[in-house]
Amino acid sequence: MIRLKALLTILIVVGAIYVGSKVAPAYYTYYQFQSDIEQAALAASYTTKSEADIQEMILIRGRDYGIPLTLEQIRVRRVRNELSISAEYTVHIDVPIYPFDLKFTPTTKNRRL
């Protein structure tokens, strides 16, 4: 009985580590991309770049991280002194028994002083 519990505990721990090793890179990439979007919004707030130019820049940054983005998934909106940028994408996590998708929506707003 003790051996069965120990084996079951080991299997659960190994499974959690395996799933974590698949999920952690997606979240790490998301946080890096979120940071890049925030920096881009800060810089673009003080320029005359068009929304399309900013959208293209975000697309390129996303592709640098291997994020499956299209221009339609990136929304850039400039209203008076405020610039907002958001993107929406899904990452498929392929694990045995239960593959799943993670949906990410990095978003930022920056107001020019």
N, C-alpha and C. Protein backbone atom coordinates (compact mmCIF):
# COMPACT_ATOMS: atom_id res chain seq x y z
N MET A 1 0.82 -1.20 0.00
CA MET A 1 0.00 0.00 0.00
C MET A 1 0.86 1.26 0.00
N ILE A 2 1.93 1.24 0.81
CA ILE A 2 2.83 2.40 0.86
C ILE A 2 3.55 2.57 -0.46
N ARG A 3 3.94 1.47 -1.09
CA ARG A 3 4.62 1.56 -2.38
C ARG A 3 3.70 2.15 -3.45
N LEU A 4 2.45 1.78 -3.40
CA LEU A 4 1.48 2.30 -4.36
C LEU A 4 1.30 3.81 -4.17
N LYS A 5 1.20 4.26 -2.95
CA LYS A 5 1.08 5.69 -2.67
C LYS A 5 2.33 6.44 -3.11
N ALA A 6 3.49 5.87 -2.84
CA ALA A 6 4.75 6.51 -3.24
C ALA A 6 4.85 6.59 -4.76
N LEU A 7 4.47 5.52 -5.44
CA LEU A 7 4.50 5.50 -6.90
C LEU A 7 3.52 6.52 -7.48
N LEU A 8 2.33 6.58 -6.90
CA LEU A 8 1.33 7.54 -7.35
C LEU A 8 1.80 8.97 -7.13
N THR A 9 2.42 9.23 -6.00
CA THR A 9 2.96 10.56 -5.70
C THR A 9 4.06 10.93 -6.69
N ILE A 10 4.92 10.00 -6.99
CA ILE A 10 6.01 10.25 -7.96
C ILE A 10 5.42 10.54 -9.34
N LEU A 11 4.42 9.77 -9.75
CA LEU A 11 3.79 10.00 -11.05
C LEU A 11 3.13 11.37 -11.12
N ILE A 12 2.48 11.78 -10.06
CA ILE A 12 1.84 13.10 -10.04
C ILE A 12 2.88 14.21 -10.11
N VAL A 13 3.96 14.07 -9.36
CA VAL A 13 5.02 15.09 -9.37
C VAL A 13 5.67 15.16 -10.75
N VAL A 14 5.98 14.02 -11.33
CA VAL A 14 6.60 14.00 -12.66
C VAL A 14 5.64 14.60 -13.70
N GLY A 15 4.35 14.26 -13.60
CA GLY A 15 3.36 14.82 -14.52
C GLY A 15 3.26 16.33 -14.39
N ALA A 16 3.26 16.82 -13.15
CA ALA A 16 3.19 18.27 -12.93
C ALA A 16 4.43 18.97 -13.48
N ILE A 17 5.58 18.38 -13.30
CA ILE A 17 6.83 18.97 -13.84
C ILE A 17 6.77 18.97 -15.37
N TYR A 18 6.29 17.89 -15.96
CA TYR A 18 6.20 17.81 -17.41
C TYR A 18 5.26 18.88 -17.97
N VAL A 19 4.07 18.98 -17.40
CA VAL A 19 3.11 19.99 -17.86
C VAL A 19 3.66 21.39 -17.62
N GLY A 20 4.29 21.60 -16.47
CA GLY A 20 4.91 22.89 -16.18
C GLY A 20 5.98 23.26 -17.19
N SER A 21 6.75 22.26 -17.63
CA SER A 21 7.80 22.54 -18.61
C SER A 21 7.23 22.92 -19.97
N LYS A 22 5.99 22.52 -20.23
CA LYS A 22 5.32 22.90 -21.48
C LYS A 22 4.65 24.27 -21.37
N VAL A 23 4.12 24.59 -20.20
CA VAL A 23 3.35 25.81 -19.99
C VAL A 23 4.25 27.01 -19.68
N ALA A 24 5.29 26.81 -18.90
CA ALA A 24 6.15 27.91 -18.45
C ALA A 24 6.73 28.73 -19.60
N PRO A 25 7.24 28.11 -20.67
CA PRO A 25 7.78 28.93 -21.77
C PRO A 25 6.74 29.84 -22.41
N ALA A 26 5.49 29.38 -22.51
CA ALA A 26 4.44 30.21 -23.10
C ALA A 26 4.18 31.43 -22.24
N TYR A 27 4.15 31.25 -20.92
CA TYR A 27 3.94 32.39 -20.02
C TYR A 27 5.15 33.32 -20.01
N TYR A 28 6.33 32.77 -20.06
CA TYR A 28 7.55 33.59 -20.09
C TYR A 28 7.55 34.47 -21.35
N THR A 29 7.21 33.88 -22.48
CA THR A 29 7.14 34.63 -23.73
C THR A 29 6.07 35.71 -23.65
N TYR A 30 4.94 35.37 -23.05
CA TYR A 30 3.87 36.35 -22.88
C TYR A 30 4.35 37.56 -22.08
N TYR A 31 5.03 37.33 -20.97
CA TYR A 31 5.49 38.45 -20.14
C TYR A 31 6.55 39.28 -20.86
N GLN A 32 7.41 38.66 -21.63
CA GLN A 32 8.39 39.41 -22.42
C GLN A 32 7.68 40.25 -23.48
N PHE A 33 6.72 39.66 -24.16
CA PHE A 33 5.98 40.37 -25.20
C PHE A 33 5.17 41.52 -24.60
N GLN A 34 4.57 41.30 -23.45
CA GLN A 34 3.83 42.34 -22.74
C GLN A 34 4.75 43.52 -22.44
N SER A 35 5.95 43.22 -21.97
CA SER A 35 6.93 44.27 -21.68
C SER A 35 7.31 45.04 -22.94
N ASP A 36 7.50 44.33 -24.03
CA ASP A 36 7.82 44.99 -25.31
C ASP A 36 6.68 45.88 -25.79
N ILE A 37 5.46 45.43 -25.61
CA ILE A 37 4.30 46.24 -26.01
C ILE A 37 4.24 47.52 -25.17
N GLU A 38 4.50 47.40 -23.88
CA GLU A 38 4.50 48.58 -23.01
C GLU A 38 5.58 49.57 -23.43
N GLN A 39 6.78 49.07 -23.75
CA GLN A 39 7.86 49.95 -24.20
C GLN A 39 7.51 50.59 -25.53
N ALA A 40 6.91 49.83 -26.42
CA ALA A 40 6.52 50.37 -27.72
C ALA A 40 5.46 51.45 -27.57
N ALA A 41 4.51 51.25 -26.67
CA ALA A 41 3.47 52.25 -26.44
C ALA A 41 4.07 53.53 -25.86
N LEU A 42 5.00 53.38 -24.96
CA LEU A 42 5.66 54.54 -24.37
C LEU A 42 6.40 55.34 -25.44
N ALA A 43 7.17 54.65 -26.26
CA ALA A 43 7.94 55.33 -27.31
C ALA A 43 7.03 55.92 -28.38
N ALA A 44 6.01 55.16 -28.78
CA ALA A 44 5.15 55.61 -29.88
C ALA A 44 4.21 56.74 -29.47
N SER A 45 4.00 56.90 -28.18
CA SER A 45 3.12 57.99 -27.71
C SER A 45 3.68 59.35 -28.08
N TYR A 46 4.98 59.43 -28.18
CA TYR A 46 5.63 60.72 -28.44
C TYR A 46 6.13 60.84 -29.88
N THR A 47 5.62 59.99 -30.77
CA THR A 47 5.98 60.08 -32.18
C THR A 47 4.72 60.29 -33.01
N THR A 48 4.93 60.49 -34.28
CA THR A 48 3.80 60.65 -35.18
C THR A 48 3.56 59.38 -36.00
N LYS A 49 4.04 58.25 -35.52
CA LYS A 49 3.82 57.00 -36.24
C LYS A 49 2.32 56.72 -36.34
N SER A 50 1.95 56.19 -37.48
CA SER A 50 0.54 55.85 -37.68
C SER A 50 0.19 54.57 -36.92
N GLU A 51 -1.10 54.35 -36.76
CA GLU A 51 -1.54 53.12 -36.09
C GLU A 51 -1.08 51.89 -36.85
N ALA A 52 -1.10 51.96 -38.18
CA ALA A 52 -0.66 50.83 -39.01
C ALA A 52 0.83 50.55 -38.81
N ASP A 53 1.65 51.60 -38.69
CA ASP A 53 3.09 51.42 -38.46
C ASP A 53 3.34 50.77 -37.10
N ILE A 54 2.61 51.20 -36.10
CA ILE A 54 2.77 50.63 -34.76
C ILE A 54 2.31 49.17 -34.76
N GLN A 55 1.22 48.92 -35.47
CA GLN A 55 0.70 47.56 -35.58
C GLN A 55 1.74 46.63 -36.23
N GLU A 56 2.37 47.11 -37.28
CA GLU A 56 3.40 46.33 -37.98
C GLU A 56 4.60 46.08 -37.06
N MET A 57 4.98 47.08 -36.27
CA MET A 57 6.10 46.94 -35.34
C MET A 57 5.78 45.87 -34.29
N ILE A 58 4.56 45.87 -33.78
CA ILE A 58 4.15 44.88 -32.78
C ILE A 58 4.12 43.48 -33.40
N LEU A 59 3.67 43.39 -34.63
CA LEU A 59 3.65 42.11 -35.34
C LEU A 59 5.06 41.53 -35.45
N ILE A 60 6.02 42.38 -35.82
CA ILE A 60 7.41 41.93 -35.96
C ILE A 60 7.96 41.48 -34.62
N ARG A 61 7.69 42.25 -33.56
CA ARG A 61 8.16 41.85 -32.23
C ARG A 61 7.56 40.52 -31.79
N GLY A 62 6.28 40.34 -32.09
CA GLY A 62 5.64 39.07 -31.76
C GLY A 62 6.26 37.91 -32.51
N ARG A 63 6.54 38.11 -33.76
CA ARG A 63 7.16 37.04 -34.56
C ARG A 63 8.57 36.73 -34.08
N ASP A 64 9.27 37.75 -33.56
CA ASP A 64 10.60 37.51 -32.99
C ASP A 64 10.54 36.52 -31.84
N TYR A 65 9.43 36.52 -31.12
CA TYR A 65 9.23 35.58 -30.01
C TYR A 65 8.58 34.28 -30.44
N GLY A 66 8.24 34.18 -31.71
CA GLY A 66 7.59 32.97 -32.21
C GLY A 66 6.10 32.94 -31.90
N ILE A 67 5.51 34.10 -31.65
CA ILE A 67 4.09 34.18 -31.33
C ILE A 67 3.30 34.19 -32.63
N PRO A 68 2.30 33.33 -32.74
CA PRO A 68 1.50 33.25 -33.98
C PRO A 68 0.50 34.39 -34.07
N LEU A 69 0.94 35.52 -34.59
CA LEU A 69 0.09 36.71 -34.69
C LEU A 69 -0.18 37.09 -36.14
N THR A 70 -1.32 37.72 -36.35
CA THR A 70 -1.63 38.36 -37.63
C THR A 70 -1.96 39.81 -37.33
N LEU A 71 -1.95 40.63 -38.36
CA LEU A 71 -2.28 42.05 -38.16
C LEU A 71 -3.69 42.24 -37.60
N GLU A 72 -4.60 41.35 -37.96
CA GLU A 72 -5.98 41.46 -37.48
C GLU A 72 -6.09 41.24 -35.97
N GLN A 73 -5.11 40.55 -35.38
CA GLN A 73 -5.15 40.26 -33.95
C GLN A 73 -4.56 41.40 -33.11
N ILE A 74 -3.98 42.37 -33.75
CA ILE A 74 -3.34 43.48 -33.05
C ILE A 74 -4.20 44.72 -33.22
N ARG A 75 -4.57 45.33 -32.11
CA ARG A 75 -5.38 46.54 -32.15
C ARG A 75 -4.57 47.70 -31.57
N VAL A 76 -4.47 48.75 -32.37
CA VAL A 76 -3.78 49.97 -31.94
C VAL A 76 -4.79 51.10 -32.08
N ARG A 77 -4.91 51.87 -31.03
CA ARG A 77 -5.88 52.98 -31.05
C ARG A 77 -5.24 54.21 -30.42
N ARG A 78 -5.29 55.28 -31.17
CA ARG A 78 -4.75 56.55 -30.68
C ARG A 78 -5.91 57.54 -30.60
N VAL A 79 -6.18 57.99 -29.38
CA VAL A 79 -7.23 58.97 -29.14
C VAL A 79 -6.62 60.11 -28.34
N ARG A 80 -6.56 61.27 -28.95
CA ARG A 80 -5.96 62.46 -28.34
C ARG A 80 -4.57 62.15 -27.79
N ASN A 81 -4.42 62.17 -26.47
CA ASN A 81 -3.11 61.95 -25.86
C ASN A 81 -2.91 60.53 -25.36
N GLU A 82 -3.79 59.63 -25.74
CA GLU A 82 -3.70 58.26 -25.23
C GLU A 82 -3.50 57.28 -26.37
N LEU A 83 -2.60 56.34 -26.14
CA LEU A 83 -2.33 55.28 -27.11
C LEU A 83 -2.57 53.96 -26.41
N SER A 84 -3.41 53.12 -27.01
CA SER A 84 -3.63 51.79 -26.44
C SER A 84 -3.27 50.74 -27.48
N ILE A 85 -2.64 49.70 -27.00
CA ILE A 85 -2.22 48.59 -27.86
C ILE A 85 -2.67 47.31 -27.18
N SER A 86 -3.26 46.41 -27.96
CA SER A 86 -3.61 45.10 -27.44
C SER A 86 -3.46 44.08 -28.56
N ALA A 87 -3.23 42.86 -28.15
CA ALA A 87 -3.11 41.76 -29.09
C ALA A 87 -3.78 40.55 -28.44
N GLU A 88 -4.22 39.65 -29.26
CA GLU A 88 -4.85 38.44 -28.73
C GLU A 88 -4.32 37.25 -29.53
N TYR A 89 -3.81 36.26 -28.81
CA TYR A 89 -3.29 35.09 -29.50
C TYR A 89 -3.46 33.86 -28.61
N THR A 90 -3.36 32.71 -29.24
CA THR A 90 -3.54 31.44 -28.56
C THR A 90 -2.31 30.57 -28.81
N VAL A 91 -1.88 29.89 -27.76
CA VAL A 91 -0.76 28.95 -27.87
C VAL A 91 -1.30 27.56 -27.53
N HIS A 92 -1.08 26.62 -28.41
CA HIS A 92 -1.52 25.25 -28.18
C HIS A 92 -0.47 24.50 -27.36
N ILE A 93 -0.90 23.89 -26.29
CA ILE A 93 -0.01 23.08 -25.45
C ILE A 93 -0.37 21.63 -25.69
N ASP A 94 0.57 20.90 -26.26
CA ASP A 94 0.32 19.51 -26.64
C ASP A 94 0.90 18.59 -25.58
N VAL A 95 0.03 18.09 -24.73
CA VAL A 95 0.43 17.12 -23.71
C VAL A 95 -0.42 15.88 -23.88
N PRO A 96 0.10 14.73 -23.49
CA PRO A 96 -0.70 13.50 -23.62
C PRO A 96 -1.98 13.58 -22.79
N ILE A 97 -2.96 12.91 -23.19
CA ILE A 97 -4.26 12.77 -22.55
C ILE A 97 -5.13 14.02 -22.72
N TYR A 98 -4.61 15.23 -22.43
CA TYR A 98 -5.45 16.42 -22.47
C TYR A 98 -4.71 17.62 -23.05
N PRO A 99 -4.55 17.69 -24.38
CA PRO A 99 -3.96 18.90 -24.98
C PRO A 99 -4.91 20.08 -24.79
N PHE A 100 -4.36 21.29 -24.65
CA PHE A 100 -5.20 22.45 -24.41
C PHE A 100 -4.58 23.70 -25.00
N ASP A 101 -5.38 24.77 -25.05
CA ASP A 101 -4.93 26.05 -25.58
C ASP A 101 -4.88 27.08 -24.46
N LEU A 102 -3.86 27.92 -24.50
CA LEU A 102 -3.74 29.05 -23.59
C LEU A 102 -4.00 30.31 -24.39
N LYS A 103 -4.90 31.14 -23.90
CA LYS A 103 -5.22 32.40 -24.59
C LYS A 103 -4.55 33.55 -23.85
N PHE A 104 -3.85 34.38 -24.60
CA PHE A 104 -3.15 35.52 -24.04
C PHE A 104 -3.66 36.80 -24.67
N THR A 105 -3.74 37.85 -23.86
CA THR A 105 -4.18 39.16 -24.34
C THR A 105 -3.31 40.24 -23.72
N PRO A 106 -2.09 40.43 -24.24
CA PRO A 106 -1.28 41.53 -23.72
C PRO A 106 -1.88 42.87 -24.12
N THR A 107 -1.99 43.77 -23.15
CA THR A 107 -2.64 45.05 -23.37
C THR A 107 -1.91 46.14 -22.60
N THR A 108 -1.86 47.33 -23.18
CA THR A 108 -1.27 48.47 -22.48
C THR A 108 -1.91 49.76 -22.97
N LYS A 109 -1.87 50.76 -22.10
CA LYS A 109 -2.29 52.12 -22.46
C LYS A 109 -1.22 53.05 -21.99
N ASN A 110 -0.97 54.07 -22.77
CA ASN A 110 -0.01 55.08 -22.37
C ASN A 110 -0.58 56.45 -22.68
N ARG A 111 -0.49 57.31 -21.73
CA ARG A 111 -1.01 58.67 -21.90
C ARG A 111 0.17 59.63 -21.98
N ARG A 112 0.18 60.39 -23.03
CA ARG A 112 1.24 61.40 -23.23
C ARG A 112 0.97 62.57 -22.31
N LEU A 113 2.01 63.07 -21.71
CA LEU A 113 1.87 64.24 -20.80
C LEU A 113 1.81 65.53 -21.58
